[in-house]
Amino acid sequence: MIAASADVRGPDDEPAFVTATAQPDEEPPAMTTVVMTGGRLDRDAGTPARGAAAGPTGDPVVTLVRSRADRTTFVRLPYTLYEGSRAWVAPLESELRRLLSPRRHPFLRRTTSALFLVRRSGAVLGRVAAIVNPDRARPGQFDGFFGFFECAHDPRSAQALMESAYAWLRAQGCMTVTGPMSPNLHHECGLLVDGFDDPPLLGMPYNLPYYPHLLSEAGGLQPVMDLLSWRADPRGKRAELVQRLGEWSAGHLGVTMRGVDWRRFDDEVTVVRSLYSRCWDRNWGFAPMTRSEAVHMARQLRSVAPEGIRIAEQEGVAVGFTIVMPDLNQAIAAARGRLARWGVPVGAWRLLRARQHLSRGRLMATGTLPDSAPGLGVVLFAEALREANRQGWKEVDISWMLEDNAAANAPLAAGGAELYKRHRLYARCLAHGHGCPCLAPPRESRTGPEHGTV
């Protein structure tokens, strides 16, 4: 069952909770905002009751997404908010809808989530998702996530939106929440706080400059971890030196690199998933993918970068991996969010045409086993640079890296990489409020070459 609740005020200003339930295969019911009208409570589908007292621009009204029209509004809201932005890249609507669907995305199938919209005077101003963390029993995990946050520069609306999400999470038994997670750490996460002029790469979020202040103040959140993005020129002298060092290290360690054999899909997914889990196990906030989640992501990577996954082996045993993919956002931007319009594949044609002129790629994940020999990280980074050169990219992005992963960040800086973006994760204790010790870093981040993933 899916439960929804909202903290509202009755005639005597006492808390009253409106709850609703839905069967797992149904869309969740709408969360209604209760408005005082002539001494009575009037509930509707998300607009103020007729004759309700309101401020100059109306009171924020938060509703739970329940219909196809609501879901379309949720998906398309950013087009209004980012109008005129040169850096924002409209995601493909079909992909976002798939990501938000429990029937089509394995992570959402094993959890409970709710989507919220906030309106003011009838205009939709913001959205957010509240997600129960299905791995909350794992040590060091937060109970819940919030994600897909977008909002106009309106503190009252942002606060109403976030408080509704918090109330829903409390009803699910969640006492701590972190985000943005859209929908978890294996996908887009973090709020951009530095580097607004550069368009986002595929799998990395973008937001307007006022979001950090708006969300931290209106949402009562505090920072818990920064995610760093680096970039390097794969054609530069330092990159050439790294590639030579990597080649020497590979020979010295007896390391060979191989691609993924997609004909052995199930076996290769098992290998990479095992590597990923073992390499990341001690990292901040990490929870391993399930088998179905790993299969889902592998299929996506196969379509985007079939040659981008490389596995390092010593004496036939897998000891590390790296994933490099082209920045398809450069092509997706040309599609303007849709592959087809009026039944004509205009967006798809634009995307395919733009894909022939990609100029950068992203090193989205790499990892070495805890007991691997020193120097293996250099071998993997050198392999990523070689792939960038094979593709003819002028720039390779390395994102993201945990801010406290000194063993990975220091060599990048020494190797000439530029720190050019910073995303931030926030958290809040729903039981004790701001500054609660419940929000202490859930686990000490491991220092090593591994970093974030889409």
Protein backbone atom coordinates (compact mmCIF):
# COMPACT_ATOMS: atom_id res chain seq x y z
CA MET A 1 0.00 0.00 0.00
CA ILE A 2 1.13 3.56 -0.68
CA ALA A 3 0.31 6.05 2.04
CA ALA A 4 0.19 9.79 1.62
CA SER A 5 -0.22 12.42 4.29
CA ALA A 6 -0.08 16.16 4.65
CA ASP A 7 0.36 18.27 7.76
CA VAL A 8 -2.43 20.84 7.58
CA ARG A 9 -4.14 23.12 10.08
CA GLY A 10 -7.72 22.89 11.27
CA PRO A 11 -9.99 25.66 12.60
CA ASP A 12 -8.15 25.80 15.93
CA ASP A 13 -4.74 25.77 14.27
CA GLU A 14 -4.18 22.22 15.48
CA PRO A 15 -2.40 19.72 13.24
CA ALA A 16 -4.67 17.51 11.16
CA PHE A 17 -3.37 14.75 8.92
CA VAL A 18 -5.05 13.90 5.66
CA THR A 19 -4.13 10.37 4.61
CA ALA A 20 -4.87 8.27 1.55
CA THR A 21 -3.91 4.85 0.33
CA ALA A 22 -3.59 3.20 -3.07
CA GLN A 23 -2.92 -0.27 -4.36
CA PRO A 24 0.64 -0.86 -5.65
CA ASP A 25 -0.45 -1.02 -9.29
CA GLU A 26 -2.44 2.19 -9.08
CA GLU A 27 -1.28 5.77 -9.32
CA PRO A 28 -1.10 7.34 -5.85
CA PRO A 29 -4.06 9.55 -4.94
CA ALA A 30 -3.79 13.31 -5.02
CA MET A 31 -2.54 15.05 -1.93
CA THR A 32 -4.89 17.92 -1.24
CA THR A 33 -4.21 21.22 0.41
CA VAL A 34 -6.82 22.18 2.97
CA VAL A 35 -8.00 25.78 2.81
CA MET A 36 -10.25 27.55 5.32
CA THR A 37 -13.45 28.86 3.71
CA GLY A 38 -16.10 30.46 5.84
CA GLY A 39 -15.27 28.40 8.92
CA ARG A 40 -15.21 25.04 7.09
CA LEU A 41 -12.55 22.87 5.58
CA ASP A 42 -12.73 22.67 1.78
CA ARG A 43 -10.66 20.02 0.01
CA ASP A 44 -10.19 19.99 -3.75
CA ALA A 45 -7.75 18.59 -6.30
CA GLY A 46 -5.09 21.17 -5.73
CA THR A 47 -6.59 24.65 -6.26
CA PRO A 48 -7.71 26.99 -3.46
CA ALA A 49 -11.38 26.72 -2.53
CA ARG A 50 -13.64 29.35 -4.03
CA GLY A 51 -13.67 32.41 -1.84
CA ALA A 52 -10.66 31.32 0.19
CA ALA A 53 -8.57 34.05 1.72
CA ALA A 54 -5.19 34.32 0.04
CA GLY A 55 -2.19 36.57 -0.21
CA PRO A 56 -1.57 38.98 -3.10
CA THR A 57 -0.41 36.12 -5.31
CA GLY A 58 -2.32 33.31 -3.64
CA ASP A 59 -1.25 30.68 -1.15
CA PRO A 60 0.96 27.78 -2.27
CA VAL A 61 -1.08 24.65 -2.92
CA VAL A 62 0.70 21.29 -2.98
CA THR A 63 -0.82 18.27 -4.71
CA LEU A 64 0.30 14.69 -5.20
CA VAL A 65 0.68 13.64 -8.82
CA ARG A 66 -2.01 11.10 -9.66
CA SER A 67 -3.06 11.55 -13.28
CA ARG A 68 -1.42 11.40 -16.67
CA ALA A 69 -1.89 15.14 -17.03
CA ASP A 70 -0.18 15.75 -13.67
CA ARG A 71 2.72 13.55 -14.71
CA THR A 72 3.09 15.47 -17.97
CA THR A 73 3.09 18.72 -16.00
CA PHE A 74 5.76 17.28 -13.69
CA VAL A 75 7.93 16.27 -16.67
CA ARG A 76 7.57 19.52 -18.61
CA LEU A 77 7.83 22.08 -15.81
CA PRO A 78 11.57 22.77 -16.42
CA TYR A 79 10.81 24.10 -19.92
CA THR A 80 9.18 27.10 -18.28
CA LEU A 81 11.72 27.55 -15.49
CA TYR A 82 14.78 27.33 -17.78
CA GLU A 83 13.43 29.42 -20.62
CA GLY A 84 16.31 31.56 -21.87
CA SER A 85 19.02 29.45 -20.16
CA ARG A 86 21.91 28.71 -22.50
CA ALA A 87 23.43 26.01 -20.33
CA TRP A 88 20.42 23.84 -19.52
CA VAL A 89 19.87 20.77 -21.73
CA ALA A 90 16.30 19.52 -22.03
CA PRO A 91 16.27 15.79 -21.22
CA LEU A 92 14.42 13.45 -23.53
CA GLU A 93 10.87 13.27 -22.21
CA SER A 94 10.62 9.59 -23.03
CA GLU A 95 13.68 8.81 -20.89
CA LEU A 96 12.46 10.90 -17.96
CA ARG A 97 9.05 9.23 -18.05
CA ARG A 98 10.75 5.84 -18.05
CA LEU A 99 12.91 6.87 -15.10
CA LEU A 100 9.83 7.96 -13.12
CA SER A 101 7.83 4.81 -13.80
CA PRO A 102 7.90 1.99 -11.21
CA ARG A 103 6.77 -0.40 -13.92
CA ARG A 104 9.72 0.45 -16.15
CA HIS A 105 12.53 1.19 -13.70
CA PRO A 106 13.80 -1.58 -11.37
CA PHE A 107 14.86 0.73 -8.54
CA LEU A 108 11.42 2.30 -8.22
CA ARG A 109 9.83 -1.15 -8.35
CA ARG A 110 11.41 -2.06 -5.04
CA THR A 111 10.58 1.12 -3.19
CA THR A 112 7.76 3.56 -2.49
CA SER A 113 7.76 7.06 -3.95
CA ALA A 114 5.49 10.05 -4.49
CA LEU A 115 5.61 13.02 -6.86
CA PHE A 116 4.48 16.48 -5.78
CA LEU A 117 3.55 19.70 -7.57
CA VAL A 118 3.11 23.14 -6.03
CA ARG A 119 0.81 25.74 -7.55
CA ARG A 120 0.17 29.35 -6.75
CA SER A 121 -2.78 31.20 -8.28
CA GLY A 122 -3.17 28.27 -10.61
CA ALA A 123 0.38 28.41 -11.96
CA VAL A 124 2.65 25.41 -11.40
CA LEU A 125 5.82 26.68 -9.72
CA GLY A 126 7.65 23.61 -8.50
CA ARG A 127 7.99 19.86 -8.27
CA VAL A 128 9.75 17.26 -6.12
CA ALA A 129 9.83 13.50 -5.59
CA ALA A 130 9.90 11.82 -2.18
CA ILE A 131 11.47 8.35 -2.21
CA VAL A 132 11.82 5.77 0.53
CA ASN A 133 15.33 4.32 0.54
CA PRO A 134 14.87 0.55 0.08
CA ASP A 135 18.40 0.03 1.44
CA ARG A 136 17.75 1.98 4.64
CA ALA A 137 18.58 -1.04 6.81
CA ARG A 138 22.14 -1.02 5.47
CA PRO A 139 24.58 0.72 7.88
CA GLY A 140 25.25 4.35 7.03
CA GLN A 141 22.15 4.93 4.90
CA PHE A 142 19.62 7.74 5.10
CA ASP A 143 15.98 6.67 5.43
CA GLY A 144 14.67 8.59 2.45
CA PHE A 145 15.57 10.68 -0.59
CA PHE A 146 14.16 13.72 -2.31
CA GLY A 147 14.88 14.33 -5.96
CA PHE A 148 13.79 15.81 -9.29
CA PHE A 149 13.52 19.15 -7.49
CA GLU A 150 12.66 22.17 -9.61
CA CYS A 151 11.11 25.41 -8.40
CA ALA A 152 10.62 29.03 -9.31
CA HIS A 153 12.37 31.61 -7.15
CA ASP A 154 9.55 31.58 -4.59
CA PRO A 155 10.57 30.63 -1.03
CA ARG A 156 6.99 30.11 0.17
CA SER A 157 6.22 27.67 -2.62
CA ALA A 158 9.54 25.85 -2.14
CA GLN A 159 8.92 25.52 1.58
CA ALA A 160 5.38 24.22 1.08
CA LEU A 161 6.66 21.73 -1.49
CA MET A 162 9.45 20.38 0.68
CA GLU A 163 7.37 20.24 3.85
CA SER A 164 4.76 18.16 2.02
CA ALA A 165 7.47 15.77 0.88
CA TYR A 166 8.84 15.57 4.42
CA ALA A 167 5.36 14.86 5.83
CA TRP A 168 4.91 12.03 3.35
CA LEU A 169 8.32 10.56 4.23
CA ARG A 170 7.53 10.74 7.96
CA ALA A 171 4.36 8.78 7.28
CA GLN A 172 6.56 6.08 5.74
CA GLY A 173 8.69 5.96 8.90
CA CYS A 174 11.62 7.96 7.49
CA MET A 175 13.49 10.08 10.03
CA THR A 176 16.40 11.26 7.86
CA VAL A 177 16.38 12.42 4.25
CA THR A 178 19.10 13.35 1.78
CA GLY A 179 19.15 14.67 -1.76
CA PRO A 180 18.77 15.63 -4.42
CA MET A 181 18.77 11.99 -5.54
CA SER A 182 17.03 11.43 -8.85
CA PRO A 183 16.24 8.77 -7.88
CA ASN A 184 19.38 7.46 -6.09
CA LEU A 185 23.17 7.66 -5.95
CA HIS A 186 23.55 5.55 -9.11
CA HIS A 187 21.76 8.20 -11.17
CA GLU A 188 21.73 12.00 -11.25
CA CYS A 189 22.39 13.38 -7.79
CA GLY A 190 23.50 16.59 -6.13
CA LEU A 191 22.66 20.25 -6.58
CA LEU A 192 24.96 22.33 -8.75
CA VAL A 193 26.59 25.05 -6.60
CA ASP A 194 29.52 26.07 -8.81
CA GLY A 195 30.02 25.97 -12.59
CA PHE A 196 26.73 27.27 -13.96
CA ASP A 197 28.06 28.48 -17.32
CA ASP A 198 28.98 25.06 -18.67
CA PRO A 199 26.23 22.75 -20.01
CA PRO A 200 25.81 19.49 -18.08
CA LEU A 201 27.15 16.22 -19.44
CA LEU A 202 24.93 13.20 -19.86
CA GLY A 203 24.03 11.85 -16.44
CA MET A 204 24.92 15.03 -14.53
CA PRO A 205 22.28 17.44 -13.19
CA TYR A 206 21.97 21.15 -13.85
CA ASN A 207 20.02 23.81 -11.98
CA LEU A 208 19.66 27.56 -11.81
CA PRO A 209 22.06 29.56 -9.57
CA TYR A 210 19.42 30.46 -6.97
CA TYR A 211 18.57 26.82 -6.19
CA PRO A 212 21.20 26.21 -3.46
CA HIS A 213 20.01 29.13 -1.31
CA LEU A 214 16.34 28.43 -2.03
CA LEU A 215 16.56 24.75 -1.16
CA SER A 216 18.78 25.05 1.89
CA GLU A 217 16.67 27.84 3.41
CA ALA A 218 13.17 26.79 2.40
CA GLY A 219 13.88 23.11 2.90
CA GLY A 220 15.74 23.46 6.20
CA LEU A 221 18.61 21.41 4.79
CA GLN A 222 22.30 21.33 5.56
CA PRO A 223 25.22 20.23 3.34
CA VAL A 224 26.59 16.73 3.90
CA MET A 225 28.83 15.98 0.89
CA ASP A 226 30.22 17.69 -2.21
CA LEU A 227 30.69 15.92 -5.54
CA LEU A 228 33.52 17.27 -7.70
CA SER A 229 33.79 17.39 -11.48
CA TRP A 230 37.18 17.63 -13.17
CA ARG A 231 38.08 18.07 -16.82
CA ALA A 232 41.25 17.38 -18.75
CA ASP A 233 42.60 17.75 -22.27
CA PRO A 234 43.38 14.21 -23.49
CA ARG A 235 45.73 15.67 -26.13
CA GLY A 236 47.88 17.67 -23.69
CA LYS A 237 51.44 16.94 -22.64
CA ARG A 238 50.45 15.89 -19.12
CA ALA A 239 47.80 13.54 -20.52
CA GLU A 240 50.45 12.04 -22.79
CA LEU A 241 52.70 11.52 -19.77
CA VAL A 242 49.86 9.82 -17.87
CA GLN A 243 49.28 7.46 -20.80
CA ARG A 244 52.96 6.53 -20.89
CA LEU A 245 53.00 5.98 -17.14
CA GLY A 246 49.85 3.88 -17.41
CA GLU A 247 51.40 1.75 -20.13
CA TRP A 248 54.51 1.18 -18.02
CA SER A 249 52.43 0.37 -14.92
CA ALA A 250 50.30 -2.12 -16.83
CA GLY A 251 53.40 -3.98 -17.97
CA HIS A 252 54.98 -3.85 -14.52
CA LEU A 253 51.82 -5.14 -12.80
CA GLY A 254 50.91 -7.66 -15.45
CA VAL A 255 47.59 -5.93 -16.12
CA THR A 256 45.69 -6.38 -19.37
CA MET A 257 42.65 -4.41 -20.46
CA ARG A 258 39.70 -5.87 -22.32
CA GLY A 259 36.31 -4.72 -23.50
CA VAL A 260 32.96 -6.21 -22.61
CA ASP A 261 31.78 -9.15 -24.69
CA TRP A 262 28.11 -8.28 -25.15
CA ARG A 263 27.43 -11.75 -26.56
CA ARG A 264 28.00 -12.98 -22.98
CA PHE A 265 25.71 -10.31 -21.54
CA ASP A 266 24.65 -12.08 -18.33
CA ASP A 267 28.19 -13.17 -17.45
CA GLU A 268 29.66 -9.74 -18.12
CA VAL A 269 26.97 -8.01 -16.05
CA THR A 270 27.87 -10.33 -13.18
CA VAL A 271 31.57 -9.43 -13.47
CA VAL A 272 31.07 -5.66 -13.63
CA ARG A 273 28.39 -5.60 -10.93
CA SER A 274 30.67 -7.56 -8.58
CA LEU A 275 33.57 -5.21 -9.29
CA TYR A 276 31.42 -2.14 -8.78
CA SER A 277 30.05 -3.35 -5.45
CA ARG A 278 33.43 -4.45 -4.08
CA CYS A 279 35.24 -1.30 -5.22
CA TRP A 280 32.61 1.04 -3.79
CA ASP A 281 31.52 -0.82 -0.69
CA ARG A 282 33.23 1.53 1.78
CA ASN A 283 32.33 4.74 -0.03
CA TRP A 284 30.08 7.37 1.48
CA GLY A 285 26.39 6.63 0.97
CA PHE A 286 26.92 3.59 -1.23
CA ALA A 287 24.39 0.78 -1.57
CA PRO A 288 24.93 -1.95 -4.18
CA MET A 289 22.69 -2.35 -7.21
CA THR A 290 20.37 -5.29 -7.42
CA ARG A 291 20.78 -7.69 -10.33
CA SER A 292 17.80 -6.17 -12.18
CA GLU A 293 19.15 -2.63 -11.69
CA ALA A 294 22.56 -3.67 -13.04
CA VAL A 295 20.95 -5.29 -16.09
CA HIS A 296 18.89 -2.16 -16.70
CA MET A 297 21.95 0.08 -16.60
CA ALA A 298 24.03 -2.30 -18.71
CA ARG A 299 21.43 -2.16 -21.45
CA GLN A 300 21.55 1.63 -21.39
CA LEU A 301 25.35 1.66 -21.57
CA ARG A 302 25.33 -0.86 -24.40
CA SER A 303 23.22 1.52 -26.48
CA VAL A 304 25.18 4.65 -25.55
CA ALA A 305 28.79 3.41 -25.37
CA PRO A 306 29.14 -0.25 -26.36
CA GLU A 307 32.95 0.01 -26.30
CA GLY A 308 33.12 2.31 -23.28
CA ILE A 309 33.36 -0.34 -20.54
CA ARG A 310 36.88 -1.66 -20.02
CA ILE A 311 37.88 -4.34 -17.51
CA ALA A 312 41.37 -4.68 -16.00
CA GLU A 313 42.59 -8.22 -15.39
CA GLN A 314 45.59 -9.77 -13.67
CA GLU A 315 46.25 -13.40 -14.55
CA GLY A 316 42.72 -13.64 -15.93
CA VAL A 317 41.07 -12.25 -12.77
CA ALA A 318 39.09 -8.98 -12.96
CA VAL A 319 40.60 -6.39 -10.58
CA GLY A 320 39.22 -3.07 -11.84
CA PHE A 321 37.03 -1.37 -14.41
CA THR A 322 36.42 1.94 -16.11
CA ILE A 323 33.40 3.35 -17.98
CA VAL A 324 33.81 6.12 -20.53
CA MET A 325 30.95 7.43 -22.63
CA PRO A 326 30.39 10.22 -25.14
CA ASP A 327 28.63 13.34 -23.97
CA LEU A 328 25.36 12.68 -25.75
CA ASN A 329 23.90 15.79 -24.14
CA GLN A 330 25.58 17.71 -26.96
CA ALA A 331 23.29 15.81 -29.34
CA ILE A 332 20.26 15.62 -27.05
CA ALA A 333 20.24 19.41 -26.81
CA ALA A 334 19.47 19.53 -30.54
CA ALA A 335 16.39 17.32 -30.03
CA ARG A 336 14.90 19.88 -27.62
CA GLY A 337 13.41 17.22 -25.38
CA ARG A 338 11.44 15.20 -27.89
CA LEU A 339 12.39 12.66 -30.54
CA ALA A 340 9.21 13.31 -32.53
CA ARG A 341 6.76 16.17 -33.00
CA TRP A 342 3.34 15.71 -34.57
CA GLY A 343 4.40 12.19 -35.46
CA VAL A 344 7.45 13.34 -37.40
CA PRO A 345 10.86 12.24 -36.00
CA VAL A 346 12.33 15.73 -36.19
CA GLY A 347 14.09 15.45 -32.83
CA ALA A 348 15.58 12.06 -33.67
CA TRP A 349 16.95 13.44 -36.95
CA ARG A 350 18.49 16.42 -35.15
CA LEU A 351 20.00 14.15 -32.50
CA LEU A 352 21.58 11.77 -34.99
CA ARG A 353 22.99 14.65 -36.99
CA ALA A 354 24.48 16.35 -33.91
CA ARG A 355 25.92 13.06 -32.65
CA GLN A 356 28.44 13.11 -35.50
CA HIS A 357 30.11 16.19 -34.00
CA LEU A 358 30.61 15.39 -30.31
CA SER A 359 33.66 17.07 -28.82
CA ARG A 360 33.85 15.67 -25.31
CA GLY A 361 33.26 12.57 -23.24
CA ARG A 362 32.82 11.58 -19.64
CA LEU A 363 34.74 9.20 -17.44
CA MET A 364 31.69 8.29 -15.39
CA ALA A 365 32.98 5.46 -13.23
CA THR A 366 36.17 3.66 -12.34
CA GLY A 367 37.22 1.45 -9.49
CA THR A 368 39.92 -0.86 -8.20
CA LEU A 369 39.55 -3.69 -5.70
CA PRO A 370 40.59 -2.85 -2.12
CA ASP A 371 43.57 -5.22 -2.23
CA SER A 372 44.73 -4.25 -5.73
CA ALA A 373 48.31 -3.15 -6.38
CA PRO A 374 49.20 0.57 -6.27
CA GLY A 375 49.34 2.02 -9.74
CA LEU A 376 46.26 0.27 -11.08
CA GLY A 377 44.32 3.54 -10.89
CA VAL A 378 46.83 5.14 -13.25
CA VAL A 379 46.37 2.28 -15.70
CA LEU A 380 42.61 2.84 -15.72
CA PHE A 381 42.84 6.62 -16.11
CA ALA A 382 45.34 6.21 -18.94
CA GLU A 383 42.92 3.83 -20.66
CA ALA A 384 40.18 6.46 -20.41
CA LEU A 385 42.46 9.08 -21.99
CA ARG A 386 43.31 6.70 -24.83
CA GLU A 387 39.60 6.12 -25.48
CA ALA A 388 39.05 9.89 -25.57
CA ASN A 389 41.79 10.23 -28.17
CA ARG A 390 40.37 7.37 -30.22
CA GLN A 391 37.05 9.19 -30.29
CA GLY A 392 38.68 12.50 -31.19
CA TRP A 393 37.35 14.33 -28.13
CA LYS A 394 38.92 17.64 -27.15
CA GLU A 395 37.93 17.25 -23.52
CA VAL A 396 37.22 14.49 -21.04
CA ASP A 397 35.15 15.10 -17.92
CA ILE A 398 35.85 13.08 -14.76
CA SER A 399 32.75 13.11 -12.61
CA TRP A 400 31.92 12.78 -10.02
CA MET A 401 34.49 12.47 -7.23
CA LEU A 402 33.68 12.58 -3.52
CA GLU A 403 35.21 15.69 -2.03
CA ASP A 404 37.02 13.70 0.67
CA ASN A 405 38.57 11.23 -1.78
CA ALA A 406 42.01 12.81 -1.53
CA ALA A 407 43.75 9.80 -3.08
CA ALA A 408 41.87 10.46 -6.32
CA ASN A 409 41.48 14.25 -6.30
CA ALA A 410 45.13 15.06 -5.56
CA PRO A 411 46.56 13.13 -8.55
CA LEU A 412 43.99 14.72 -10.85
CA ALA A 413 45.05 18.19 -9.76
CA ALA A 414 48.73 17.28 -10.05
CA GLY A 415 48.09 15.83 -13.49
CA GLY A 416 46.75 19.10 -14.82
CA ALA A 417 43.01 18.42 -14.56
CA GLU A 418 40.82 21.42 -13.79
CA LEU A 419 38.20 21.40 -11.05
CA TYR A 420 35.36 23.18 -12.81
CA LYS A 421 32.09 22.08 -11.20
CA ARG A 422 30.80 21.23 -7.77
CA HIS A 423 27.52 19.55 -6.84
CA ARG A 424 26.26 19.32 -3.27
CA LEU A 425 24.14 16.82 -1.37
CA TYR A 426 21.99 18.05 1.49
CA ALA A 427 20.24 16.32 4.37
CA ARG A 428 17.72 16.94 7.11
CA CYS A 429 16.64 15.11 10.21
CA LEU A 430 12.85 14.87 10.17
CA ALA A 431 12.73 13.99 13.87
CA HIS A 432 14.96 16.55 15.56
CA GLY A 433 15.40 19.40 13.08
CA HIS A 434 18.37 21.36 11.78
CA GLY A 435 21.85 20.59 13.09
CA CYS A 436 20.88 17.20 14.50
CA PRO A 437 23.73 14.70 15.15
CA CYS A 438 21.69 12.18 13.12
CA LEU A 439 23.14 13.91 10.07
CA ALA A 440 26.76 13.12 10.83
CA PRO A 441 28.45 11.63 7.74
CA PRO A 442 27.01 8.10 7.57
CA ARG A 443 30.34 6.48 6.81
CA GLU A 444 33.93 7.45 6.25
CA SER A 445 34.66 7.63 2.55
CA ARG A 446 37.30 5.29 1.28
CA THR A 447 40.28 6.98 -0.34
CA GLY A 448 40.91 5.53 -3.75
CA PRO A 449 40.50 6.14 -7.46
CA GLU A 450 36.85 5.16 -7.61
CA HIS A 451 34.30 7.90 -8.21
CA GLY A 452 30.69 8.55 -9.05
CA THR A 453 28.42 7.03 -11.62
CA VAL A 454 25.27 7.81 -13.51
